[in-house]
Amino acid sequence: MMAKPTKDNNVVSQNRKARHDYTIEETYEAGMELKGTEIKSIRRGSVNMQDAYARVHKGEMFVYNLHIAPYEEGNRFNHDPLRHRKLLLKRKEIDKLLGISKTQGYSLIPLKMYIKNGYCKMLLGVAKGKKKFDKRQDLKDKAMKRDVERALKDRG
């Protein structure tokens, strides 16, 4: 009998650098409009979302610079690795995100891509860029927390 997948077991790709470079204020779950060879490649984990970002264009949400490697067995039916992909959100969410993204300093960054009930989903974050000193402070806080955890572990 197979083990039931845990919550993070179905994560295909994560943008770890986003949490370092940005302060995430809100998150939204969006579906993706994909081609057959794209979903097969995603299931293999051939995704790079390092420089990806989302934007509203003509009333629809798209993700740009999301690299999905070509499927090896796809031959002539393969997709363009960097094509713009449509994100599936409700109209109210798109309108809200459009208003937020027009605000100075805010951007829409993909944080995580995962498979949920057989469908590929993306977690979008409403992000505000961090300054250099904010990044340094976060690293100091993280190191202090790690030291405290280590000291407590040694005592017990």
Protein backbone atom coordinates (compact mmCIF):
# COMPACT_ATOMS: atom_id res chain seq x y z
CA MET A 1 0.00 0.00 0.00
CA MET A 2 1.39 3.41 -1.00
CA ALA A 3 1.83 6.20 1.53
CA LYS A 4 -0.52 9.12 1.25
CA PRO A 5 1.34 12.18 -0.10
CA THR A 6 2.08 14.86 2.47
CA LYS A 7 1.34 18.52 1.94
CA ASP A 8 4.78 19.42 0.53
CA ASN A 9 5.30 16.09 -1.25
CA ASN A 10 3.72 17.33 -4.48
CA VAL A 11 5.82 20.53 -4.82
CA VAL A 12 7.51 20.55 -8.22
CA SER A 13 9.51 23.77 -7.99
CA GLN A 14 10.08 26.52 -5.45
CA ASN A 15 11.45 30.04 -5.81
CA ARG A 16 13.57 30.19 -2.64
CA LYS A 17 15.32 33.40 -3.60
CA ALA A 18 11.99 35.27 -3.74
CA ARG A 19 11.60 35.21 0.05
CA HIS A 20 15.15 36.55 0.39
CA ASP A 21 14.74 39.39 -2.13
CA TYR A 22 11.11 40.33 -1.38
CA THR A 23 8.71 40.74 1.51
CA ILE A 24 5.67 38.61 0.68
CA GLU A 25 2.46 40.29 1.82
CA GLU A 26 -0.27 38.12 0.27
CA THR A 27 -0.45 34.87 -1.67
CA TYR A 28 -2.87 33.62 -4.32
CA GLU A 29 -3.29 30.17 -5.84
CA ALA A 30 -3.66 30.15 -9.62
CA GLY A 31 -4.13 27.39 -12.15
CA MET A 32 -2.07 27.34 -15.34
CA GLU A 33 -3.01 26.86 -18.97
CA LEU A 34 -0.44 24.34 -20.27
CA LYS A 35 0.25 22.19 -23.31
CA GLY A 36 0.63 18.41 -23.12
CA THR A 37 4.41 18.31 -23.28
CA GLU A 38 4.64 21.10 -20.66
CA ILE A 39 2.73 19.19 -17.98
CA LYS A 40 4.81 16.07 -18.65
CA SER A 41 7.99 18.10 -18.24
CA ILE A 42 6.64 19.73 -15.06
CA ARG A 43 5.84 16.33 -13.54
CA ARG A 44 9.50 15.42 -14.12
CA GLY A 45 10.54 18.58 -12.23
CA SER A 46 12.19 20.33 -15.20
CA VAL A 47 11.12 23.83 -14.13
CA ASN A 48 13.14 26.98 -13.37
CA MET A 49 11.22 29.88 -11.87
CA GLN A 50 14.23 31.98 -10.81
CA ASP A 51 13.48 35.10 -12.90
CA ALA A 52 9.74 34.56 -13.36
CA TYR A 53 7.15 37.25 -12.72
CA ALA A 54 3.43 37.71 -13.37
CA ARG A 55 1.61 40.62 -14.97
CA VAL A 56 -1.89 41.53 -16.11
CA HIS A 57 -2.18 41.99 -19.88
CA LYS A 58 -5.51 42.89 -21.54
CA GLY A 59 -7.51 41.75 -18.52
CA GLU A 60 -5.77 38.37 -18.22
CA MET A 61 -2.95 37.26 -15.94
CA PHE A 62 0.22 35.86 -17.54
CA VAL A 63 3.48 34.53 -16.14
CA TYR A 64 6.70 35.53 -17.94
CA ASN A 65 10.25 34.07 -17.93
CA LEU A 66 9.08 30.75 -16.47
CA HIS A 67 11.41 28.15 -18.00
CA ILE A 68 9.88 24.71 -18.54
CA ALA A 69 12.43 22.45 -20.24
CA PRO A 70 11.33 20.72 -23.46
CA TYR A 71 10.00 17.20 -22.96
CA GLU A 72 12.57 14.72 -24.23
CA GLU A 73 10.07 12.40 -25.93
CA GLY A 74 8.01 15.30 -27.29
CA ASN A 75 9.76 15.55 -30.73
CA ARG A 76 7.94 18.01 -33.02
CA PHE A 77 5.08 18.61 -30.55
CA ASN A 78 7.42 20.24 -28.05
CA HIS A 79 6.72 23.69 -26.64
CA ASP A 80 8.77 26.89 -26.48
CA PRO A 81 10.51 26.77 -23.06
CA LEU A 82 10.02 30.49 -22.26
CA ARG A 83 6.58 31.15 -23.71
CA HIS A 84 4.09 33.30 -21.77
CA ARG A 85 1.62 31.12 -19.89
CA LYS A 86 -1.86 32.17 -18.90
CA LEU A 87 -2.76 31.97 -15.23
CA LEU A 88 -6.32 31.03 -14.31
CA LEU A 89 -7.76 33.32 -11.64
CA LYS A 90 -11.20 34.73 -10.89
CA ARG A 91 -12.05 38.16 -12.31
CA LYS A 92 -12.18 39.79 -8.85
CA GLU A 93 -8.72 38.44 -8.02
CA ILE A 94 -7.27 39.69 -11.32
CA ASP A 95 -8.75 43.16 -10.77
CA LYS A 96 -7.39 43.27 -7.21
CA LEU A 97 -3.93 42.15 -8.35
CA LEU A 98 -3.97 44.71 -11.16
CA GLY A 99 -4.57 47.48 -8.62
CA ILE A 100 -1.85 46.18 -6.31
CA SER A 101 0.72 45.73 -9.08
CA LYS A 102 0.23 49.31 -10.26
CA THR A 103 1.17 50.52 -6.78
CA GLN A 104 4.78 51.69 -6.59
CA GLY A 105 7.19 49.00 -5.44
CA TYR A 106 4.89 45.97 -5.65
CA SER A 107 5.27 43.05 -8.03
CA LEU A 108 3.74 39.60 -8.53
CA ILE A 109 6.26 36.81 -8.05
CA PRO A 110 5.67 33.05 -8.43
CA LEU A 111 6.69 31.36 -5.17
CA LYS A 112 5.87 27.71 -5.69
CA MET A 113 4.61 25.33 -8.38
CA TYR A 114 2.86 22.13 -7.34
CA ILE A 115 0.45 19.43 -8.47
CA LYS A 116 -2.92 19.46 -6.71
CA ASN A 117 -5.63 16.92 -7.58
CA GLY A 118 -3.91 16.24 -10.90
CA TYR A 119 -3.73 19.92 -11.90
CA CYS A 120 -0.67 22.15 -11.96
CA LYS A 121 -1.05 25.14 -9.61
CA MET A 122 1.14 28.13 -8.91
CA LEU A 123 1.37 30.11 -5.70
CA LEU A 124 1.68 33.81 -6.56
CA GLY A 125 2.98 36.28 -4.01
CA VAL A 126 2.32 40.00 -3.81
CA ALA A 127 5.86 41.14 -3.10
CA LYS A 128 7.59 44.34 -2.13
CA GLY A 129 11.34 44.54 -2.79
CA LYS A 130 13.69 44.51 0.18
CA LYS A 131 16.55 46.93 0.61
CA LYS A 132 20.07 45.66 1.25
CA PHE A 133 19.93 46.38 4.99
CA ASP A 134 16.63 44.47 5.30
CA LYS A 135 18.27 41.41 3.75
CA ARG A 136 21.22 41.66 6.13
CA GLN A 137 18.90 42.00 9.13
CA ASP A 138 16.93 38.91 8.05
CA LEU A 139 20.15 36.90 7.79
CA LYS A 140 21.21 38.05 11.30
CA ASP A 141 17.80 37.12 12.74
CA LYS A 142 17.95 33.71 11.08
CA ALA A 143 21.46 33.05 12.45
CA MET A 144 20.42 34.11 15.98
CA LYS A 145 17.36 31.85 15.86
CA ARG A 146 19.53 28.95 14.71
CA ASP A 147 22.01 29.56 17.57
CA VAL A 148 19.20 29.64 20.15
CA GLU A 149 17.74 26.39 18.79
CA ARG A 150 21.20 24.75 18.91
CA ALA A 151 21.78 25.93 22.52
CA LEU A 152 18.38 24.60 23.63
CA LYS A 153 19.06 21.29 21.92
CA ASP A 154 22.45 20.94 23.67
CA ARG A 155 20.89 21.60 27.10
CA GLY A 156 18.12 19.05 26.67
